[in-house]
Amino acid sequence: MKKMTDTFKLNNGYEIPCVGFGTWQTPDGDTAIKAVSEAIRAGYCHIDTAACYGNETSVGKGIKVSGVERSRLFVTGKVWNSDRGYGKTMVAFEKTMADLELDYLDLYLIHWPASSTQFEDWEQINLETWRAMTELYKAGRIKAIGVCNFLPHHLKALMETEVQPMVNQIEFHPGQMQEETVSYCKDHNIIVEAWSPLGTGRMLSNEMLKSIAAKYGKSAAQLCIRWCLQNGILPKSVTPSRIIENADVFDFEITNEDMEAINGMEYCGGSGLHPDKVDF
């Protein structure tokens, strides 16, 4: 990957830009509008939002304010946990489209899997959600569909359906590489996208990462994003104050030795959220 517009090819042939700009925790209103429009002007063409972020209307306005043609952008949305199931997913999708004021989504994801700790029929709930998304995909209203936070045992049922997941967005950063899930996805041609590639900010103060980054004249944040790319993972940046900095990751390459050192890091911070243990 040599520039922001380089892409990963999904299993249906559609292409997803290699770095995403996330809008989680970006306050609704002028802050979100400005962050999104500035990110697009800085070169980001992949904008990631979700219903539960509570800022879809502002994200949509930010896209409009940027002045960039819709066809040049890749926009991701997500269906929240309370909207899982066929009927609720259909309603949630229409609300997302109305809030964003878009005619189609490039990617729509199930935000979290229904799990056995909360539902006896968890697998069926996931399948019914997926059925709605598949219909929207076949109707051309979504260009690609996928999931977030799905572990291999959550994915298996979806792999047996008519349309298989194209993306799995998971927590991925130094010290939390989720090797089993990443391996499963790569074996089944599912692109892995990293949320929280900076470990909810904890990587920024890690002395080892700061030391390695300094060798390249880069920040720990830039190192983590580049590290994701070199591991074949699509990173999603969510720090508006570092819009330009986090895009400047294409003029250096981490050596094999440094990649191995980062890959070997033990857990040193993250969200602590486990797909089978969350209570929301």
Foldseek 3Di string as FASTA:
>chain_A
DFAQQDWDAWPVRDTDGQEEAEAAPQDADPRLLVLLLVLVVLPHQEYEYEVVSVHLLSNLNSVVVNVDDNVSHAYEYEDEPVQFFQPSLLVVVVVSCVSSVDQAHAEYEHEAQQAVVHDVPRLVSNVRRVVNVVVCCVVVRYVFYAYEQDAPVSQPVQVPDPDHHGEYEYADEQQDHSVRRVVVCVVVRHAYEHDPNCQVVQQQPDPLLQVQQVVVVAGSLLVSCLLCVVVRYRYYHHDSVCSNRNRPNNPDHRDPVVSVVSNPGHHDHHDPDHSNPDDD
